[in-house]
Structures are given as C-alpha cells and as structure tokens.
Amino acid sequence: MKISIVKIGGNVIDDPEKLEEFLSLFSRLEGKKILVHGGGVMASKFGESLGIKPQMVDGRRITDKETLEVVTMVYAGLINKNIVAKLQAREQDAMGLTGADGNLIRSEKRPVKDIDYGFVGDVKEVNTNLIELLLAENIVPVVAAITHDQRGLLLNTNADTIASEIATSLAQKHTVNLYFCFNKAGVLIDENNDSSVVPLINEDVYDELKREKVIHSGMIPKLDNAFNALYKGVNNVWLGKAENLVLAAKGKSAGTSFEKHRYDLY
C-alpha cells in the first residue's frame, strides 16, 4: 500500500482561506492518505482569553493541567471536526481521531529532567492495524496532536512527532511518503528569504547549519523528526509550504527533501 502522511500547522489552520486551499490540494493527493494536525497558535489564543499564558521552551509547549484542557478542546474538538467536515464537503470520507480513539497512539508522560514539560507525551506505540483498516475502507484518518497513556491520562504530543511515528510504524509494511507543511518554503539559509531554500539536506548539512545557528529553536525538533522517519524506513520526507504539496508529491523541486548520508545509500 502506498500511503501519504501530511502534517499541517497553525499557519494553515488559523487562516480560513489557507485552510480551504490546503484541503483542496490534500483532496487531490492520489492514493491512501493521513492528515496530522496541531493548532498551537489557536490553542494559545483560546488559553489567553481564559487567562492562561502559553509557556514555550525551545519551540516546545509546557503543558500544565489547564493548558492540557485547552489544547484537548481546541485540537481534538474545534480544529479536528472543522477539518473533517470540510473534507467531507470535498467527498473525502474522513474520520477525526486522537491517540486515545481506538488506542491509536499510546504515549508515556515525559519524565522530568532539566525541564518539566508537564502533561506532554512521548510516543511509544502506534496501532497500525486500526490505520490499515480505515485506509482499506478509503477513510482518511485526521489525527489531532493528543495521545494517551492507556491509564486514563490524555497527553499533549508534538504533531511533527506523531506524523513521524505513524510514518515509521507503517513503513515496516508499506511505501510511505511524509510531508511536513509549514509557513516557510523549506529549510532556509536566511529565514527571512524564501528563495534561500536548501533543496536537499542530509545530517552533515543539518549539523553544520545548527552549529552556525541557521537552524535553531522550533526547527530543531521538526528536522529531528524528519530524519528519524527517513532512517526508520520512510520512503520520502519533504518539508515546505502547504501550497506546494501537490508539486512535492509529483516529485517536483518545491521545498526541502531529506536524504541519508551517502554511505547509507549503498
């Protein structure tokens, strides 16, 4: 089975026009597909309206009990069901899920080390059987960035990580392509200049760009997830703007693609 997994972020979700455009593109993707979404910007706005100020460390959200309630309501409720309804309008039979639904994604609460991230989950297991059943029935899973620990606790979980973990789990039996859509044209040498995109990146280049502080903060976990997927059997990993998704799926140069070290290719 050939499967496309697409992750979208707040820059698409928070803009009604961009969301409509993206979902039209997503609907045009051929074959089996899965959509993974976060919604941190919208969650932050809702939280602030309730007097809950977002706390971030290196691009990752600190999730206390009140924040967990907000992100669950926003991700799994408002955003997820809005996307599902819009996909149904495009004749895409979609089903909205969290990690708790059908035991889709089991996580463990991140242990406290230098930083206490609160109710944040690290993915331990993906229920690929459930995903395969849905895909076989031509249902598009729409997965919100909420998982569970199988002991009754919901956990806020990085959407890039969820997309990567679903991709690597399915890649053991299927041909999987993973697409990270965000607000930049790809990995950029100059973050303010979309024409400075790096079309192809391996870990040597990645390490160099990190040393030079070209890549920093929230981009680091995003690229870590991309390389993790690539090294665990995912066929193709891409990062770029949502409007270039169909071009990327057709193999056109429209963002950043990831490659292994040369000595791993033979």
Protein backbone atom coordinates (compact mmCIF):
# COMPACT_ATOMS: atom_id res chain seq x y z
CA MET A 1 0.00 0.00 0.00
CA LYS A 2 1.27 3.48 -0.85
CA ILE A 3 0.45 5.98 1.88
CA SER A 4 0.91 9.75 2.07
CA ILE A 5 1.10 11.29 5.54
CA VAL A 6 0.71 15.06 5.69
CA LYS A 7 1.24 17.23 8.74
CA ILE A 8 -0.10 20.79 8.85
CA GLY A 9 0.47 23.50 11.43
CA GLY A 10 -1.06 26.67 12.73
CA ASN A 11 -0.21 28.90 9.77
CA VAL A 12 -2.70 26.89 7.69
CA ILE A 13 -5.21 26.08 10.42
CA ASP A 14 -5.53 29.67 11.68
CA ASP A 15 -6.21 31.16 8.24
CA PRO A 16 -9.63 30.11 6.86
CA GLU A 17 -8.66 30.88 3.28
CA LYS A 18 -5.36 28.97 3.50
CA LEU A 19 -7.12 26.03 5.14
CA GLU A 20 -9.66 25.83 2.31
CA GLU A 21 -6.86 25.98 -0.28
CA PHE A 22 -4.83 23.32 1.53
CA LEU A 23 -7.74 20.91 1.91
CA SER A 24 -8.48 21.25 -1.80
CA LEU A 25 -4.86 20.30 -2.53
CA PHE A 26 -4.90 17.50 0.03
CA SER A 27 -8.06 16.10 -1.56
CA ARG A 28 -6.21 15.89 -4.88
CA LEU A 29 -3.49 13.64 -3.48
CA GLU A 30 -3.76 10.23 -5.05
CA GLY A 31 -3.91 7.01 -3.06
CA LYS A 32 -4.25 6.41 0.68
CA LYS A 33 -3.57 9.36 2.95
CA ILE A 34 -3.50 10.53 6.55
CA LEU A 35 -3.66 14.09 7.86
CA VAL A 36 -1.98 15.05 11.15
CA HIS A 37 -2.52 18.47 12.70
CA GLY A 38 -1.63 20.56 15.70
CA GLY A 39 -3.07 24.00 16.30
CA GLY A 40 -0.80 25.63 18.84
CA VAL A 41 -1.46 29.21 17.79
CA MET A 42 -5.22 28.84 18.11
CA ALA A 43 -4.80 27.00 21.42
CA SER A 44 -2.63 29.84 22.72
CA LYS A 45 -5.26 32.41 21.73
CA PHE A 46 -8.03 30.46 23.45
CA GLY A 47 -5.86 29.98 26.50
CA GLU A 48 -5.01 33.66 26.73
CA SER A 49 -8.72 34.53 26.52
CA LEU A 50 -9.13 32.36 29.62
CA GLY A 51 -6.14 33.92 31.37
CA ILE A 52 -3.77 31.03 30.61
CA LYS A 53 -0.48 32.32 29.24
CA PRO A 54 1.43 29.92 26.96
CA GLN A 55 4.87 28.80 28.13
CA MET A 56 7.39 27.66 25.50
CA VAL A 57 10.93 26.25 25.75
CA ASP A 58 12.92 25.74 22.51
CA GLY A 59 9.74 25.62 20.47
CA ARG A 60 8.01 23.11 22.76
CA ARG A 61 4.96 23.90 24.86
CA ILE A 62 4.91 23.47 28.64
CA THR A 63 1.57 21.78 29.34
CA ASP A 64 0.10 22.20 32.81
CA LYS A 65 -3.35 20.85 33.69
CA GLU A 66 -5.24 23.94 32.49
CA THR A 67 -3.26 24.06 29.25
CA LEU A 68 -3.96 20.37 28.64
CA GLU A 69 -7.68 21.05 28.91
CA VAL A 70 -7.41 23.91 26.41
CA VAL A 71 -5.33 22.04 23.82
CA THR A 72 -7.61 19.00 24.07
CA MET A 73 -10.70 21.11 23.44
CA VAL A 74 -9.10 23.06 20.60
CA TYR A 75 -7.14 20.29 18.85
CA ALA A 76 -9.48 17.33 19.28
CA GLY A 77 -12.68 19.36 19.13
CA LEU A 78 -12.87 22.61 17.19
CA ILE A 79 -9.97 22.13 14.76
CA ASN A 80 -10.32 18.40 14.17
CA LYS A 81 -14.04 18.39 13.49
CA ASN A 82 -13.82 21.51 11.33
CA ILE A 83 -11.24 19.78 9.12
CA VAL A 84 -13.27 16.57 8.96
CA ALA A 85 -16.40 18.46 7.91
CA LYS A 86 -14.54 20.36 5.20
CA LEU A 87 -13.04 17.14 3.85
CA GLN A 88 -16.48 15.53 3.74
CA ALA A 89 -17.62 18.52 1.65
CA ARG A 90 -14.86 17.56 -0.79
CA GLU A 91 -16.07 13.95 -1.00
CA GLN A 92 -13.22 12.73 1.19
CA ASP A 93 -14.59 10.25 3.74
CA ALA A 94 -12.65 11.45 6.78
CA MET A 95 -12.63 10.38 10.42
CA GLY A 96 -11.28 12.54 13.23
CA LEU A 97 -9.16 10.81 15.84
CA THR A 98 -6.96 11.42 18.85
CA GLY A 99 -4.42 8.91 20.09
CA ALA A 100 -6.98 7.69 22.63
CA ASP A 101 -9.54 6.70 19.98
CA GLY A 102 -9.19 3.01 19.17
CA ASN A 103 -5.95 3.07 21.18
CA LEU A 104 -4.42 4.72 18.12
CA ILE A 105 -1.31 6.17 19.81
CA ARG A 106 -0.03 5.20 23.24
CA SER A 107 2.42 7.56 24.90
CA GLU A 108 4.18 7.97 28.21
CA LYS A 109 4.32 11.20 30.16
CA ARG A 110 7.70 12.76 29.53
CA PRO A 111 9.97 12.30 32.55
CA VAL A 112 11.22 15.40 34.32
CA LYS A 113 14.88 16.11 33.60
CA ASP A 114 16.24 19.63 33.15
CA ILE A 115 12.74 20.83 32.21
CA ASP A 116 9.32 19.75 33.42
CA TYR A 117 7.16 19.77 30.29
CA GLY A 118 4.08 18.78 32.25
CA PHE A 119 1.40 16.68 30.56
CA VAL A 120 3.40 16.01 27.40
CA GLY A 121 3.57 12.58 25.83
CA ASP A 122 6.43 10.70 24.19
CA VAL A 123 5.04 8.21 21.67
CA LYS A 124 5.60 4.54 22.50
CA GLU A 125 3.24 2.63 20.21
CA VAL A 126 1.07 3.21 17.13
CA ASN A 127 -1.91 0.99 16.36
CA THR A 128 -1.14 0.37 12.69
CA ASN A 129 -3.87 -2.29 12.46
CA LEU A 130 -6.54 0.36 13.05
CA ILE A 131 -4.98 2.70 10.49
CA GLU A 132 -4.77 -0.07 7.91
CA LEU A 133 -8.44 -0.96 8.46
CA LEU A 134 -9.50 2.65 7.95
CA LEU A 135 -7.34 3.12 4.86
CA ALA A 136 -8.62 -0.15 3.37
CA GLU A 137 -12.13 1.33 3.61
CA ASN A 138 -10.92 4.53 1.90
CA ILE A 139 -11.35 6.52 5.10
CA VAL A 140 -8.93 9.40 5.66
CA PRO A 141 -7.75 9.49 9.30
CA VAL A 142 -7.44 13.05 10.60
CA VAL A 143 -5.26 12.81 13.70
CA ALA A 144 -5.12 15.52 16.37
CA ALA A 145 -1.98 16.00 18.45
CA ILE A 146 -3.41 14.42 21.60
CA THR A 147 -2.36 10.93 22.77
CA HIS A 148 -2.99 8.84 25.89
CA ASP A 149 -1.07 6.64 28.33
CA GLN A 150 -3.67 3.80 28.43
CA ARG A 151 -4.20 4.58 32.11
CA GLY A 152 -6.76 7.33 31.59
CA LEU A 153 -4.43 10.28 31.06
CA LEU A 154 -4.51 12.42 27.92
CA LEU A 155 -1.19 13.92 26.82
CA ASN A 156 -0.29 16.85 24.60
CA THR A 157 2.06 15.47 21.95
CA ASN A 158 4.11 17.18 19.26
CA ALA A 159 2.28 16.86 15.92
CA ASP A 160 5.52 16.50 13.95
CA THR A 161 6.44 13.59 16.22
CA ILE A 162 3.04 11.98 15.75
CA ALA A 163 3.36 12.24 11.96
CA SER A 164 6.88 10.80 12.08
CA GLU A 165 5.92 7.92 14.40
CA ILE A 166 2.85 6.98 12.34
CA ALA A 167 5.01 7.08 9.20
CA THR A 168 7.77 4.88 10.62
CA SER A 169 5.27 2.35 12.01
CA LEU A 170 3.51 1.99 8.66
CA ALA A 171 6.79 1.97 6.71
CA GLN A 172 7.55 -1.52 8.03
CA LYS A 173 4.93 -2.92 5.63
CA HIS A 174 4.05 -0.10 3.23
CA THR A 175 5.57 2.57 0.99
CA VAL A 176 5.20 5.78 2.98
CA ASN A 177 5.83 9.39 1.97
CA LEU A 178 5.86 12.01 4.72
CA TYR A 179 5.14 15.70 4.10
CA PHE A 180 5.64 18.43 6.70
CA CYS A 181 3.75 21.58 5.66
CA PHE A 182 4.58 24.82 7.46
CA ASN A 183 4.95 28.56 6.86
CA LYS A 184 8.32 28.58 5.10
CA ALA A 185 9.40 27.35 1.66
CA GLY A 186 11.60 24.71 3.30
CA VAL A 187 14.86 24.76 5.25
CA LEU A 188 16.23 28.25 4.67
CA ILE A 189 19.74 29.68 4.83
CA ASP A 190 18.11 33.06 5.55
CA GLU A 191 14.87 32.59 7.49
CA ASN A 192 13.52 35.85 6.03
CA ASN A 193 14.19 34.89 2.42
CA ASP A 194 12.15 32.06 0.90
CA SER A 195 14.44 31.98 -2.13
CA SER A 196 17.30 30.75 0.10
CA VAL A 197 15.72 27.29 0.44
CA VAL A 198 18.00 24.25 0.79
CA PRO A 199 16.50 21.80 -1.76
CA LEU A 200 18.25 18.70 -0.39
CA ILE A 201 19.55 18.19 3.13
CA ASN A 202 21.42 15.38 4.90
CA GLU A 203 22.56 15.17 8.50
CA ASP A 204 26.02 16.59 7.76
CA VAL A 205 24.45 19.75 6.33
CA TYR A 206 21.93 19.79 9.18
CA ASP A 207 24.66 19.62 11.83
CA GLU A 208 26.59 22.40 10.13
CA LEU A 209 23.52 24.65 9.94
CA LYS A 210 22.84 24.03 13.63
CA ARG A 211 26.43 24.95 14.55
CA GLU A 212 26.07 28.15 12.57
CA LYS A 213 22.74 28.89 14.31
CA VAL A 214 20.99 28.97 10.94
CA ILE A 215 18.67 26.25 12.27
CA HIS A 216 17.52 26.76 15.85
CA SER A 217 14.57 26.70 18.27
CA GLY A 218 11.43 25.02 16.94
CA MET A 219 13.06 23.95 13.68
CA ILE A 220 15.34 21.52 15.51
CA PRO A 221 12.63 19.09 16.73
CA LYS A 222 10.94 19.39 13.33
CA LEU A 223 14.07 18.30 11.46
CA ASP A 224 14.91 15.67 14.08
CA ASN A 225 11.53 14.09 13.37
CA ALA A 226 12.15 14.24 9.62
CA PHE A 227 15.49 12.45 9.86
CA ASN A 228 14.10 9.95 12.37
CA ALA A 229 11.45 8.96 9.84
CA LEU A 230 13.93 8.72 6.98
CA TYR A 231 16.30 6.45 8.90
CA LYS A 232 13.45 4.21 10.03
CA GLY A 233 12.29 3.28 6.57
CA VAL A 234 10.07 6.10 5.32
CA ASN A 235 10.44 6.34 1.55
CA ASN A 236 10.48 10.11 1.16
CA VAL A 237 10.40 13.04 3.60
CA TRP A 238 9.64 16.60 2.49
CA LEU A 239 9.30 19.99 4.20
CA GLY A 240 7.78 23.10 2.64
CA LYS A 241 4.77 25.33 2.12
CA ALA A 242 1.34 23.76 2.05
CA GLU A 243 0.57 25.25 -1.37
CA ASN A 244 3.44 23.21 -2.83
CA LEU A 245 2.18 19.87 -1.50
CA VAL A 246 0.90 18.50 -4.83
CA LEU A 247 4.10 19.56 -6.60
CA ALA A 248 6.15 17.76 -3.95
CA ALA A 249 4.00 14.64 -4.27
CA LYS A 250 4.74 14.65 -8.00
CA GLY A 251 8.49 14.83 -7.33
CA LYS A 252 8.89 18.47 -8.31
CA SER A 253 11.50 20.64 -6.58
CA ALA A 254 9.30 22.79 -4.36
CA GLY A 255 10.78 22.67 -0.86
CA THR A 256 13.36 20.65 1.05
CA SER A 257 13.79 16.91 0.64
CA PHE A 258 15.78 14.79 3.08
CA GLU A 259 18.48 12.27 2.23
CA LYS A 260 20.64 9.88 4.20
CA HIS A 261 24.42 10.06 4.36
CA ARG A 262 25.93 8.85 1.12
CA TYR A 263 27.47 5.79 2.77
CA ASP A 264 24.00 4.70 3.89
CA LEU A 265 22.65 4.71 0.34
CA TYR A 266 24.64 1.66 -0.85
